[in-house]
Amino acid sequence: MKCIKIASLMLALMFLVVGYVLAEGDAAKSKPQITCPVMGGKINKEIYTDYEGKRVYFCCKGCIGEFKKDPAKHIKKLEEEGVTLEKVPGAGLENESNSVSDARNSSCRSCGGCGCDSCS
């Protein structure tokens, strides 16, 4: 009887250790986005686009247009680097759309607010 209790305790302890190791492995694989998926520069948290419920940050406004040309390519690049993108605040609500939106200046005179000389 004592052997069964010890074996049960050892089995429970083993499951706890395995669970902890697996959880640590998943946490080590995911990391926050710190670089622009287009240019590779440091991100600016004020420059972003929301795509399929995920928020993607960029180093400059000009990268948003490049991202929009092939979002899947840039998302794949981030995922291969182990980056876990933030969810869009309020994502999952009934009226969520999967369209790309961005933080551009909609009153830009010529290019949509990318920061070019004609906009400055």
C-alpha atoms as a PDB file:
ATOM      1  CA  MET A   1       0.000   0.000   0.000  1.00  0.00           C
ATOM      2  CA  LYS A   2       2.829   2.367   0.875  1.00  0.00           C
ATOM      3  CA  CYS A   3       4.469   1.653  -2.508  1.00  0.00           C
ATOM      4  CA  ILE A   4       1.268   2.656  -4.339  1.00  0.00           C
ATOM      5  CA  LYS A   5       1.138   5.999  -2.496  1.00  0.00           C
ATOM      6  CA  ILE A   6       4.785   6.702  -3.278  1.00  0.00           C
ATOM      7  CA  ALA A   7       4.312   5.715  -6.931  1.00  0.00           C
ATOM      8  CA  SER A   8       1.220   7.943  -7.198  1.00  0.00           C
ATOM      9  CA  LEU A   9       3.081  10.855  -5.631  1.00  0.00           C
ATOM     10  CA  MET A  10       6.028  10.368  -7.981  1.00  0.00           C
ATOM     11  CA  LEU A  11       3.708  10.215 -10.994  1.00  0.00           C
ATOM     12  CA  ALA A  12       1.924  13.417  -9.953  1.00  0.00           C
ATOM     13  CA  LEU A  13       5.263  15.166  -9.418  1.00  0.00           C
ATOM     14  CA  MET A  14       6.448  14.018 -12.846  1.00  0.00           C
ATOM     15  CA  PHE A  15       3.338  15.495 -14.503  1.00  0.00           C
ATOM     16  CA  LEU A  16       3.910  18.811 -12.727  1.00  0.00           C
ATOM     17  CA  VAL A  17       7.530  18.969 -13.867  1.00  0.00           C
ATOM     18  CA  VAL A  18       6.680  18.045 -17.475  1.00  0.00           C
ATOM     19  CA  GLY A  19       3.890  20.653 -17.553  1.00  0.00           C
ATOM     20  CA  TYR A  20       6.228  23.333 -16.232  1.00  0.00           C
ATOM     21  CA  VAL A  21       8.934  22.486 -18.772  1.00  0.00           C
ATOM     22  CA  LEU A  22       6.452  22.565 -21.662  1.00  0.00           C
ATOM     23  CA  ALA A  23       5.017  25.889 -20.504  1.00  0.00           C
ATOM     24  CA  GLU A  24       8.501  27.402 -20.245  1.00  0.00           C
ATOM     25  CA  GLY A  25       9.326  26.154 -23.748  1.00  0.00           C
ATOM     26  CA  ASP A  26       6.240  27.832 -25.234  1.00  0.00           C
ATOM     27  CA  ALA A  27       7.010  31.090 -23.431  1.00  0.00           C
ATOM     28  CA  ALA A  28      10.576  31.056 -24.727  1.00  0.00           C
ATOM     29  CA  LYS A  29       9.354  30.585 -28.305  1.00  0.00           C
ATOM     30  CA  SER A  30       7.069  33.621 -28.294  1.00  0.00           C
ATOM     31  CA  LYS A  31       8.341  37.138 -27.957  1.00  0.00           C
ATOM     32  CA  PRO A  32       6.869  40.605 -28.464  1.00  0.00           C
ATOM     33  CA  GLN A  33       7.415  42.520 -31.681  1.00  0.00           C
ATOM     34  CA  ILE A  34      10.377  44.902 -31.381  1.00  0.00           C
ATOM     35  CA  THR A  35      11.431  45.256 -35.028  1.00  0.00           C
ATOM     36  CA  CYS A  36       9.653  46.490 -38.142  1.00  0.00           C
ATOM     37  CA  PRO A  37       8.656  43.577 -40.434  1.00  0.00           C
ATOM     38  CA  VAL A  38       9.505  45.647 -43.529  1.00  0.00           C
ATOM     39  CA  MET A  39      12.754  47.512 -42.776  1.00  0.00           C
ATOM     40  CA  GLY A  40      13.905  45.717 -39.624  1.00  0.00           C
ATOM     41  CA  GLY A  41      14.268  48.941 -37.635  1.00  0.00           C
ATOM     42  CA  LYS A  42      13.081  49.560 -34.088  1.00  0.00           C
ATOM     43  CA  ILE A  43       9.289  49.889 -33.967  1.00  0.00           C
ATOM     44  CA  ASN A  44       7.395  53.022 -33.030  1.00  0.00           C
ATOM     45  CA  LYS A  45       4.281  51.999 -31.033  1.00  0.00           C
ATOM     46  CA  GLU A  46       2.409  54.978 -32.497  1.00  0.00           C
ATOM     47  CA  ILE A  47       2.783  53.659 -36.071  1.00  0.00           C
ATOM     48  CA  TYR A  48       0.811  50.487 -36.685  1.00  0.00           C
ATOM     49  CA  THR A  49      -1.753  48.697 -38.782  1.00  0.00           C
ATOM     50  CA  ASP A  50      -4.357  46.187 -37.661  1.00  0.00           C
ATOM     51  CA  TYR A  51      -4.532  43.064 -39.806  1.00  0.00           C
ATOM     52  CA  GLU A  52      -6.778  40.051 -39.197  1.00  0.00           C
ATOM     53  CA  GLY A  53      -7.201  40.887 -35.528  1.00  0.00           C
ATOM     54  CA  LYS A  54      -3.497  41.450 -34.924  1.00  0.00           C
ATOM     55  CA  ARG A  55      -1.642  44.714 -34.414  1.00  0.00           C
ATOM     56  CA  VAL A  56       1.550  45.123 -36.458  1.00  0.00           C
ATOM     57  CA  TYR A  57       3.970  47.930 -35.567  1.00  0.00           C
ATOM     58  CA  PHE A  58       6.401  49.690 -37.923  1.00  0.00           C
ATOM     59  CA  CYS A  59       9.482  51.896 -37.738  1.00  0.00           C
ATOM     60  CA  CYS A  60       7.951  54.571 -40.001  1.00  0.00           C
ATOM     61  CA  LYS A  61       4.678  55.315 -41.786  1.00  0.00           C
ATOM     62  CA  GLY A  62       6.175  54.497 -45.174  1.00  0.00           C
ATOM     63  CA  CYS A  63       6.427  50.825 -44.211  1.00  0.00           C
ATOM     64  CA  ILE A  64       2.650  50.512 -43.855  1.00  0.00           C
ATOM     65  CA  GLY A  65       2.162  50.770 -47.632  1.00  0.00           C
ATOM     66  CA  GLU A  66       4.841  48.172 -48.272  1.00  0.00           C
ATOM     67  CA  PHE A  67       3.231  45.858 -45.718  1.00  0.00           C
ATOM     68  CA  LYS A  68      -0.148  46.199 -47.444  1.00  0.00           C
ATOM     69  CA  LYS A  69       1.316  44.930 -50.726  1.00  0.00           C
ATOM     70  CA  ASP A  70       1.861  41.467 -49.189  1.00  0.00           C
ATOM     71  CA  PRO A  71       0.762  41.247 -45.549  1.00  0.00           C
ATOM     72  CA  ALA A  72       1.064  37.442 -45.404  1.00  0.00           C
ATOM     73  CA  LYS A  73       4.764  37.635 -46.336  1.00  0.00           C
ATOM     74  CA  HIS A  74       5.537  40.059 -43.517  1.00  0.00           C
ATOM     75  CA  ILE A  75       3.396  38.212 -40.945  1.00  0.00           C
ATOM     76  CA  LYS A  76       5.165  34.962 -41.866  1.00  0.00           C
ATOM     77  CA  LYS A  77       8.548  36.648 -41.382  1.00  0.00           C
ATOM     78  CA  LEU A  78       7.584  37.767 -37.876  1.00  0.00           C
ATOM     79  CA  GLU A  79       6.205  34.342 -36.974  1.00  0.00           C
ATOM     80  CA  GLU A  80       9.403  32.654 -38.178  1.00  0.00           C
ATOM     81  CA  GLU A  81      11.308  34.947 -35.803  1.00  0.00           C
ATOM     82  CA  GLY A  82       9.098  33.710 -32.949  1.00  0.00           C
ATOM     83  CA  VAL A  83       7.204  36.987 -32.619  1.00  0.00           C
ATOM     84  CA  THR A  84       3.705  36.840 -31.167  1.00  0.00           C
ATOM     85  CA  LEU A  85       1.709  39.817 -32.398  1.00  0.00           C
ATOM     86  CA  GLU A  86      -0.572  41.696 -30.030  1.00  0.00           C
ATOM     87  CA  LYS A  87      -4.286  41.269 -30.478  1.00  0.00           C
ATOM     88  CA  VAL A  88      -6.167  44.351 -31.595  1.00  0.00           C
ATOM     89  CA  PRO A  89      -7.872  45.952 -28.584  1.00  0.00           C
ATOM     90  CA  GLY A  90     -11.519  44.932 -28.749  1.00  0.00           C
ATOM     91  CA  ALA A  91     -10.793  42.129 -31.243  1.00  0.00           C
ATOM     92  CA  GLY A  92     -13.292  39.337 -31.205  1.00  0.00           C
ATOM     93  CA  LEU A  93     -16.284  41.631 -30.947  1.00  0.00           C
ATOM     94  CA  GLU A  94     -19.166  40.940 -33.298  1.00  0.00           C
ATOM     95  CA  ASN A  95     -18.424  43.869 -35.620  1.00  0.00           C
ATOM     96  CA  GLU A  96     -14.707  43.147 -36.037  1.00  0.00           C
ATOM     97  CA  SER A  97     -13.523  43.411 -39.619  1.00  0.00           C
ATOM     98  CA  ASN A  98     -10.485  41.719 -41.079  1.00  0.00           C
ATOM     99  CA  SER A  99      -9.530  44.679 -43.196  1.00  0.00           C
ATOM    100  CA  VAL A 100      -6.242  46.501 -42.874  1.00  0.00           C
ATOM    101  CA  SER A 101      -6.530  49.798 -41.055  1.00  0.00           C
ATOM    102  CA  ASP A 102      -3.660  52.040 -40.145  1.00  0.00           C
ATOM    103  CA  ALA A 103      -2.483  55.043 -38.200  1.00  0.00           C
ATOM    104  CA  ARG A 104      -1.920  57.256 -41.239  1.00  0.00           C
ATOM    105  CA  ASN A 105      -2.753  60.903 -41.395  1.00  0.00           C
ATOM    106  CA  SER A 106      -5.839  60.847 -43.608  1.00  0.00           C
ATOM    107  CA  SER A 107      -5.476  64.559 -44.372  1.00  0.00           C
ATOM    108  CA  CYS A 108      -2.133  64.047 -46.133  1.00  0.00           C
ATOM    109  CA  ARG A 109      -1.864  66.197 -49.251  1.00  0.00           C
ATOM    110  CA  SER A 110      -0.072  63.739 -51.483  1.00  0.00           C
ATOM    111  CA  CYS A 111       0.858  60.342 -50.156  1.00  0.00           C
ATOM    112  CA  GLY A 112      -1.416  59.385 -47.274  1.00  0.00           C
ATOM    113  CA  GLY A 113       0.818  60.586 -44.466  1.00  0.00           C
ATOM    114  CA  CYS A 114       3.953  58.526 -44.949  1.00  0.00           C
ATOM    115  CA  GLY A 115       6.205  61.326 -43.789  1.00  0.00           C
ATOM    116  CA  CYS A 116       7.648  62.301 -47.174  1.00  0.00           C
ATOM    117  CA  ASP A 117       8.955  65.817 -47.853  1.00  0.00           C
ATOM    118  CA  SER A 118       5.753  66.924 -49.522  1.00  0.00           C
ATOM    119  CA  CYS A 119       3.776  66.014 -46.383  1.00  0.00           C
ATOM    120  CA  SER A 120       6.070  67.689 -43.916  1.00  0.00           C
END
